[in-house]
Amino acid sequence: MGDRVLLIEDDSRLAEMVSEYLGKAGFHVVHAETGTRGLALHGREPADVVILDLMLPDADGLDICRQIRAAPTAPS
């Protein structure tokens, strides 16, 4: 299996397109529609790469980014 990508994106069409493209390139994509869900997924199984929307319905994407980067399992 390829690198694990966490995609945090509330636009389902865009998320589907990105997931399909990355999947064909060999990446394992996990999608979260909210920042809260993305943080929970990352906490359970850290991703190698995070693709993050900055304008999420439940949170500011920059705050989510700061929380992910502060975690000891953050991708570098």
PDB file of N, CA and C in Angstrom:
ATOM      1  N   MET A   1       0.842  -1.173   0.000  1.00  0.00           N
ATOM      2  CA  MET A   1       0.000   0.000   0.000  1.00  0.00           C
ATOM      3  C   MET A   1       0.889   1.237   0.000  1.00  0.00           C
ATOM      4  N   GLY A   2       0.457   2.292  -0.685  1.00  0.00           N
ATOM      5  CA  GLY A   2       1.229   3.523  -0.771  1.00  0.00           C
ATOM      6  C   GLY A   2       1.106   4.367   0.479  1.00  0.00           C
ATOM      7  N   ASP A   3       1.702   5.535   0.430  1.00  0.00           N
ATOM      8  CA  ASP A   3       1.620   6.468   1.551  1.00  0.00           C
ATOM      9  C   ASP A   3       0.167   6.795   1.862  1.00  0.00           C
ATOM     10  N   ARG A   4      -0.102   7.040   3.139  1.00  0.00           N
ATOM     11  CA  ARG A   4      -1.452   7.359   3.595  1.00  0.00           C
ATOM     12  C   ARG A   4      -1.643   8.871   3.554  1.00  0.00           C
ATOM     13  N   VAL A   5      -2.695   9.310   2.865  1.00  0.00           N
ATOM     14  CA  VAL A   5      -3.020  10.723   2.731  1.00  0.00           C
ATOM     15  C   VAL A   5      -4.335  10.979   3.463  1.00  0.00           C
ATOM     16  N   LEU A   6      -4.329  11.970   4.347  1.00  0.00           N
ATOM     17  CA  LEU A   6      -5.552  12.416   4.995  1.00  0.00           C
ATOM     18  C   LEU A   6      -6.020  13.662   4.261  1.00  0.00           C
ATOM     19  N   LEU A   7      -7.184  13.580   3.646  1.00  0.00           N
ATOM     20  CA  LEU A   7      -7.775  14.692   2.912  1.00  0.00           C
ATOM     21  C   LEU A   7      -8.910  15.256   3.755  1.00  0.00           C
ATOM     22  N   ILE A   8      -8.754  16.486   4.229  1.00  0.00           N
ATOM     23  CA  ILE A   8      -9.799  17.153   5.009  1.00  0.00           C
ATOM     24  C   ILE A   8     -10.404  18.216   4.111  1.00  0.00           C
ATOM     25  N   GLU A   9     -11.579  17.913   3.575  1.00  0.00           N
ATOM     26  CA  GLU A   9     -12.220  18.750   2.549  1.00  0.00           C
ATOM     27  C   GLU A   9     -13.725  18.576   2.639  1.00  0.00           C
ATOM     28  N   ASP A  10     -14.460  19.690   2.721  1.00  0.00           N
ATOM     29  CA  ASP A  10     -15.912  19.608   2.845  1.00  0.00           C
ATOM     30  C   ASP A  10     -16.645  19.556   1.505  1.00  0.00           C
ATOM     31  N   ASP A  11     -15.986  19.868   0.425  1.00  0.00           N
ATOM     32  CA  ASP A  11     -16.605  19.798  -0.907  1.00  0.00           C
ATOM     33  C   ASP A  11     -16.478  18.357  -1.411  1.00  0.00           C
ATOM     34  N   SER A  12     -17.595  17.634  -1.414  1.00  0.00           N
ATOM     35  CA  SER A  12     -17.546  16.201  -1.742  1.00  0.00           C
ATOM     36  C   SER A  12     -17.089  15.932  -3.168  1.00  0.00           C
ATOM     37  N   ARG A  13     -17.472  16.786  -4.107  1.00  0.00           N
ATOM     38  CA  ARG A  13     -17.032  16.569  -5.502  1.00  0.00           C
ATOM     39  C   ARG A  13     -15.527  16.725  -5.629  1.00  0.00           C
ATOM     40  N   LEU A  14     -14.991  17.757  -5.027  1.00  0.00           N
ATOM     41  CA  LEU A  14     -13.545  17.981  -5.077  1.00  0.00           C
ATOM     42  C   LEU A  14     -12.811  16.850  -4.355  1.00  0.00           C
ATOM     43  N   ALA A  15     -13.321  16.440  -3.198  1.00  0.00           N
ATOM     44  CA  ALA A  15     -12.698  15.359  -2.438  1.00  0.00           C
ATOM     45  C   ALA A  15     -12.688  14.064  -3.240  1.00  0.00           C
ATOM     46  N   GLU A  16     -13.784  13.775  -3.928  1.00  0.00           N
ATOM     47  CA  GLU A  16     -13.857  12.564  -4.744  1.00  0.00           C
ATOM     48  C   GLU A  16     -12.837  12.611  -5.881  1.00  0.00           C
ATOM     49  N   MET A  17     -12.723  13.761  -6.530  1.00  0.00           N
ATOM     50  CA  MET A  17     -11.792  13.911  -7.637  1.00  0.00           C
ATOM     51  C   MET A  17     -10.341  13.740  -7.161  1.00  0.00           C
ATOM     52  N   VAL A  18      -9.989  14.410  -6.068  1.00  0.00           N
ATOM     53  CA  VAL A  18      -8.628  14.322  -5.537  1.00  0.00           C
ATOM     54  C   VAL A  18      -8.326  12.899  -5.063  1.00  0.00           C
ATOM     55  N   SER A  19      -9.293  12.288  -4.376  1.00  0.00           N
ATOM     56  CA  SER A  19      -9.116  10.916  -3.885  1.00  0.00           C
ATOM     57  C   SER A  19      -8.892   9.943  -5.033  1.00  0.00           C
ATOM     58  N   GLU A  20      -9.664  10.087  -6.077  1.00  0.00           N
ATOM     59  CA  GLU A  20      -9.525   9.200  -7.236  1.00  0.00           C
ATOM     60  C   GLU A  20      -8.159   9.383  -7.892  1.00  0.00           C
ATOM     61  N   TYR A  21      -7.760  10.618  -8.089  1.00  0.00           N
ATOM     62  CA  TYR A  21      -6.474  10.915  -8.723  1.00  0.00           C
ATOM     63  C   TYR A  21      -5.321  10.342  -7.894  1.00  0.00           C
ATOM     64  N   LEU A  22      -5.340  10.610  -6.586  1.00  0.00           N
ATOM     65  CA  LEU A  22      -4.257  10.125  -5.726  1.00  0.00           C
ATOM     66  C   LEU A  22      -4.288   8.605  -5.593  1.00  0.00           C
ATOM     67  N   GLY A  23      -5.486   8.027  -5.560  1.00  0.00           N
ATOM     68  CA  GLY A  23      -5.617   6.575  -5.490  1.00  0.00           C
ATOM     69  C   GLY A  23      -4.990   5.904  -6.701  1.00  0.00           C
ATOM     70  N   LYS A  24      -5.219   6.471  -7.876  1.00  0.00           N
ATOM     71  CA  LYS A  24      -4.627   5.922  -9.102  1.00  0.00           C
ATOM     72  C   LYS A  24      -3.109   6.043  -9.097  1.00  0.00           C
ATOM     73  N   ALA A  25      -2.592   7.018  -8.340  1.00  0.00           N
ATOM     74  CA  ALA A  25      -1.142   7.219  -8.246  1.00  0.00           C
ATOM     75  C   ALA A  25      -0.523   6.348  -7.147  1.00  0.00           C
ATOM     76  N   GLY A  26      -1.346   5.520  -6.490  1.00  0.00           N
ATOM     77  CA  GLY A  26      -0.822   4.584  -5.507  1.00  0.00           C
ATOM     78  C   GLY A  26      -0.940   5.015  -4.054  1.00  0.00           C
ATOM     79  N   PHE A  27      -1.617   6.124  -3.803  1.00  0.00           N
ATOM     80  CA  PHE A  27      -1.782   6.587  -2.431  1.00  0.00           C
ATOM     81  C   PHE A  27      -3.055   6.012  -1.828  1.00  0.00           C
ATOM     82  N   HIS A  28      -3.026   5.801  -0.522  1.00  0.00           N
ATOM     83  CA  HIS A  28      -4.215   5.380   0.214  1.00  0.00           C
ATOM     84  C   HIS A  28      -4.816   6.647   0.824  1.00  0.00           C
ATOM     85  N   VAL A  29      -5.983   7.066   0.333  1.00  0.00           N
ATOM     86  CA  VAL A  29      -6.595   8.324   0.760  1.00  0.00           C
ATOM     87  C   VAL A  29      -7.720   8.058   1.752  1.00  0.00           C
ATOM     88  N   VAL A  30      -7.673   8.785   2.871  1.00  0.00           N
ATOM     89  CA  VAL A  30      -8.740   8.770   3.863  1.00  0.00           C
ATOM     90  C   VAL A  30      -9.330  10.171   3.868  1.00  0.00           C
ATOM     91  N   HIS A  31     -10.655  10.259   3.729  1.00  0.00           N
ATOM     92  CA  HIS A  31     -11.316  11.554   3.599  1.00  0.00           C
ATOM     93  C   HIS A  31     -12.123  11.888   4.845  1.00  0.00           C
ATOM     94  N   ALA A  32     -12.008  13.124   5.289  1.00  0.00           N
ATOM     95  CA  ALA A  32     -12.831  13.660   6.377  1.00  0.00           C
ATOM     96  C   ALA A  32     -13.492  14.934   5.875  1.00  0.00           C
ATOM     97  N   GLU A  33     -14.781  15.095   6.151  1.00  0.00           N
ATOM     98  CA  GLU A  33     -15.516  16.278   5.680  1.00  0.00           C
ATOM     99  C   GLU A  33     -15.453  17.444   6.657  1.00  0.00           C
ATOM    100  N   THR A  34     -14.974  17.210   7.869  1.00  0.00           N
ATOM    101  CA  THR A  34     -14.873  18.282   8.863  1.00  0.00           C
ATOM    102  C   THR A  34     -13.505  18.236   9.536  1.00  0.00           C
ATOM    103  N   GLY A  35     -13.143  19.361  10.127  1.00  0.00           N
ATOM    104  CA  GLY A  35     -11.882  19.415  10.854  1.00  0.00           C
ATOM    105  C   GLY A  35     -11.878  18.490  12.058  1.00  0.00           C
ATOM    106  N   THR A  36     -13.006  18.439  12.752  1.00  0.00           N
ATOM    107  CA  THR A  36     -13.109  17.570  13.926  1.00  0.00           C
ATOM    108  C   THR A  36     -12.892  16.115  13.547  1.00  0.00           C
ATOM    109  N   ARG A  37     -13.523  15.690  12.480  1.00  0.00           N
ATOM    110  CA  ARG A  37     -13.384  14.304  12.006  1.00  0.00           C
ATOM    111  C   ARG A  37     -11.944  14.058  11.539  1.00  0.00           C
ATOM    112  N   GLY A  38     -11.357  15.023  10.854  1.00  0.00           N
ATOM    113  CA  GLY A  38      -9.976  14.886  10.398  1.00  0.00           C
ATOM    114  C   GLY A  38      -9.008  14.716  11.551  1.00  0.00           C
ATOM    115  N   LEU A  39      -9.191  15.517  12.611  1.00  0.00           N
ATOM    116  CA  LEU A  39      -8.336  15.386  13.788  1.00  0.00           C
ATOM    117  C   LEU A  39      -8.503  14.014  14.429  1.00  0.00           C
ATOM    118  N   ALA A  40      -9.731  13.527  14.504  1.00  0.00           N
ATOM    119  CA  ALA A  40      -9.986  12.209  15.098  1.00  0.00           C
ATOM    120  C   ALA A  40      -9.316  11.110  14.276  1.00  0.00           C
ATOM    121  N   LEU A  41      -9.443  11.180  12.957  1.00  0.00           N
ATOM    122  CA  LEU A  41      -8.819  10.174  12.093  1.00  0.00           C
ATOM    123  C   LEU A  41      -7.305  10.214  12.226  1.00  0.00           C
ATOM    124  N   HIS A  42      -6.752  11.415  12.238  1.00  0.00           N
ATOM    125  CA  HIS A  42      -5.299  11.550  12.353  1.00  0.00           C
ATOM    126  C   HIS A  42      -4.809  11.047  13.715  1.00  0.00           C
ATOM    127  N   GLY A  43      -5.612  11.252  14.751  1.00  0.00           N
ATOM    128  CA  GLY A  43      -5.239  10.783  16.079  1.00  0.00           C
ATOM    129  C   GLY A  43      -5.218   9.267  16.185  1.00  0.00           C
ATOM    130  N   ARG A  44      -6.142   8.609  15.456  1.00  0.00           N
ATOM    131  CA  ARG A  44      -6.197   7.141  15.501  1.00  0.00           C
ATOM    132  C   ARG A  44      -5.131   6.499  14.637  1.00  0.00           C
ATOM    133  N   GLU A  45      -4.909   7.061  13.464  1.00  0.00           N
ATOM    134  CA  GLU A  45      -3.942   6.493  12.523  1.00  0.00           C
ATOM    135  C   GLU A  45      -3.298   7.642  11.750  1.00  0.00           C
ATOM    136  N   PRO A  46      -2.161   8.135  12.224  1.00  0.00           N
ATOM    137  CA  PRO A  46      -1.532   9.303  11.608  1.00  0.00           C
ATOM    138  C   PRO A  46      -1.249   9.103  10.117  1.00  0.00           C
ATOM    139  N   ALA A  47      -1.436  10.172   9.370  1.00  0.00           N
ATOM    140  CA  ALA A  47      -1.203  10.156   7.932  1.00  0.00           C
ATOM    141  C   ALA A  47       0.243  10.546   7.628  1.00  0.00           C
ATOM    142  N   ASP A  48       0.701  10.124   6.467  1.00  0.00           N
ATOM    143  CA  ASP A  48       2.021  10.536   5.988  1.00  0.00           C
ATOM    144  C   ASP A  48       1.956  11.954   5.420  1.00  0.00           C
ATOM    145  N   VAL A  49       0.791  12.286   4.849  1.00  0.00           N
ATOM    146  CA  VAL A  49       0.560  13.582   4.221  1.00  0.00           C
ATOM    147  C   VAL A  49      -0.849  14.032   4.570  1.00  0.00           C
ATOM    148  N   VAL A  50      -1.019  15.330   4.840  1.00  0.00           N
ATOM    149  CA  VAL A  50      -2.344  15.890   5.085  1.00  0.00           C
ATOM    150  C   VAL A  50      -2.610  16.965   4.044  1.00  0.00           C
ATOM    151  N   ILE A  51      -3.753  16.848   3.367  1.00  0.00           N
ATOM    152  CA  ILE A  51      -4.223  17.882   2.455  1.00  0.00           C
ATOM    153  C   ILE A  51      -5.432  18.498   3.140  1.00  0.00           C
ATOM    154  N   LEU A  52      -5.376  19.794   3.397  1.00  0.00           N
ATOM    155  CA  LEU A  52      -6.328  20.439   4.278  1.00  0.00           C
ATOM    156  C   LEU A  52      -6.960  21.665   3.636  1.00  0.00           C
ATOM    157  N   ASP A  53      -8.290  21.683   3.613  1.00  0.00           N
ATOM    158  CA  ASP A  53      -9.049  22.859   3.198  1.00  0.00           C
ATOM    159  C   ASP A  53      -8.953  23.893   4.313  1.00  0.00           C
ATOM    160  N   LEU A  54      -8.782  25.154   3.988  1.00  0.00           N
ATOM    161  CA  LEU A  54      -8.669  26.179   5.016  1.00  0.00           C
ATOM    162  C   LEU A  54     -10.016  26.664   5.521  1.00  0.00           C
ATOM    163  N   MET A  55     -11.064  26.502   4.720  1.00  0.00           N
ATOM    164  CA  MET A  55     -12.397  26.975   5.118  1.00  0.00           C
ATOM    165  C   MET A  55     -13.318  25.776   5.294  1.00  0.00           C
ATOM    166  N   LEU A  56     -13.372  25.264   6.518  1.00  0.00           N
ATOM    167  CA  LEU A  56     -14.192  24.103   6.843  1.00  0.00           C
ATOM    168  C   LEU A  56     -15.454  24.555   7.577  1.00  0.00           C
ATOM    169  N   PRO A  57     -16.508  23.750   7.536  1.00  0.00           N
ATOM    170  CA  PRO A  57     -17.768  24.172   8.158  1.00  0.00           C
ATOM    171  C   PRO A  57     -17.711  24.252   9.684  1.00  0.00           C
ATOM    172  N   ASP A  58     -16.808  23.513  10.306  1.00  0.00           N
ATOM    173  CA  ASP A  58     -16.788  23.460  11.768  1.00  0.00           C
ATOM    174  C   ASP A  58     -15.532  24.055  12.393  1.00  0.00           C
ATOM    175  N   ALA A  59     -14.570  24.445  11.577  1.00  0.00           N
ATOM    176  CA  ALA A  59     -13.302  24.914  12.144  1.00  0.00           C
ATOM    177  C   ALA A  59     -12.509  25.704  11.109  1.00  0.00           C
ATOM    178  N   ASP A  60     -11.570  26.481  11.605  1.00  0.00           N
ATOM    179  CA  ASP A  60     -10.626  27.201  10.756  1.00  0.00           C
ATOM    180  C   ASP A  60      -9.524  26.215  10.381  1.00  0.00           C
ATOM    181  N   GLY A  61      -9.282  26.037   9.106  1.00  0.00           N
ATOM    182  CA  GLY A  61      -8.274  25.093   8.646  1.00  0.00           C
ATOM    183  C   GLY A  61      -6.891  25.356   9.218  1.00  0.00           C
ATOM    184  N   LEU A  62      -6.549  26.626   9.432  1.00  0.00           N
ATOM    185  CA  LEU A  62      -5.239  26.935  10.018  1.00  0.00           C
ATOM    186  C   LEU A  62      -5.151  26.436  11.448  1.00  0.00           C
ATOM    187  N   ASP A  63      -6.250  26.518  12.203  1.00  0.00           N
ATOM    188  CA  ASP A  63      -6.247  25.966  13.563  1.00  0.00           C
ATOM    189  C   ASP A  63      -6.084  24.447  13.538  1.00  0.00           C
ATOM    190  N   ILE A  64      -6.749  23.801  12.602  1.00  0.00           N
ATOM    191  CA  ILE A  64      -6.612  22.351  12.451  1.00  0.00           C
ATOM    192  C   ILE A  64      -5.162  22.008  12.112  1.00  0.00           C
ATOM    193  N   CYS A  65      -4.570  22.777  11.220  1.00  0.00           N
ATOM    194  CA  CYS A  65      -3.170  22.557  10.838  1.00  0.00           C
ATOM    195  C   CYS A  65      -2.259  22.680  12.059  1.00  0.00           C
ATOM    196  N   ARG A  66      -2.473  23.699  12.876  1.00  0.00           N
ATOM    197  CA  ARG A  66      -1.652  23.893  14.079  1.00  0.00           C
ATOM    198  C   ARG A  66      -1.796  22.706  15.031  1.00  0.00           C
ATOM    199  N   GLN A  67      -3.017  22.209  15.180  1.00  0.00           N
ATOM    200  CA  GLN A  67      -3.240  21.075  16.079  1.00  0.00           C
ATOM    201  C   GLN A  67      -2.560  19.806  15.559  1.00  0.00           C
ATOM    202  N   ILE A  68      -2.629  19.590  14.262  1.00  0.00           N
ATOM    203  CA  ILE A  68      -1.967  18.420  13.677  1.00  0.00           C
ATOM    204  C   ILE A  68      -0.453  18.545  13.824  1.00  0.00           C
ATOM    205  N   ARG A  69       0.079  19.721  13.559  1.00  0.00           N
ATOM    206  CA  ARG A  69       1.536  19.926  13.648  1.00  0.00           C
ATOM    207  C   ARG A  69       2.034  19.812  15.074  1.00  0.00           C
ATOM    208  N   ALA A  70       1.190  20.119  16.052  1.00  0.00           N
ATOM    209  CA  ALA A  70       1.580  20.034  17.451  1.00  0.00           C
ATOM    210  C   ALA A  70       1.600  18.601  17.966  1.00  0.00           C
ATOM    211  N   ALA A  71       0.941  17.702  17.250  1.00  0.00           N
ATOM    212  CA  ALA A  71       0.885  16.291  17.679  1.00  0.00           C
ATOM    213  C   ALA A  71       2.249  15.641  17.477  1.00  0.00           C
ATOM    214  N   PRO A  72       2.608  14.734  18.351  1.00  0.00           N
ATOM    215  CA  PRO A  72       3.917  14.061  18.210  1.00  0.00           C
ATOM    216  C   PRO A  72       4.017  13.203  16.951  1.00  0.00           C
ATOM    217  N   THR A  73       2.891  12.879  16.344  1.00  0.00           N
ATOM    218  CA  THR A  73       2.886  12.034  15.137  1.00  0.00           C
ATOM    219  C   THR A  73       2.752  12.862  13.860  1.00  0.00           C
ATOM    220  N   ALA A  74       2.959  14.161  13.942  1.00  0.00           N
ATOM    221  CA  ALA A  74       2.752  15.053  12.790  1.00  0.00           C
ATOM    222  C   ALA A  74       3.719  14.724  11.662  1.00  0.00           C
ATOM    223  N   PRO A  75       3.192  14.757  10.410  1.00  0.00           N
ATOM    224  CA  PRO A  75       4.109  14.612   9.277  1.00  0.00           C
ATOM    225  C   PRO A  75       5.036  15.821   9.211  1.00  0.00           C
ATOM    226  N   SER A  76       6.252  15.614   8.777  1.00  0.00           N
ATOM    227  CA  SER A  76       7.197  16.741   8.739  1.00  0.00           C
ATOM    228  C   SER A  76       7.304  17.338   7.357  1.00  0.00           C
TER     229      SER A  76
END
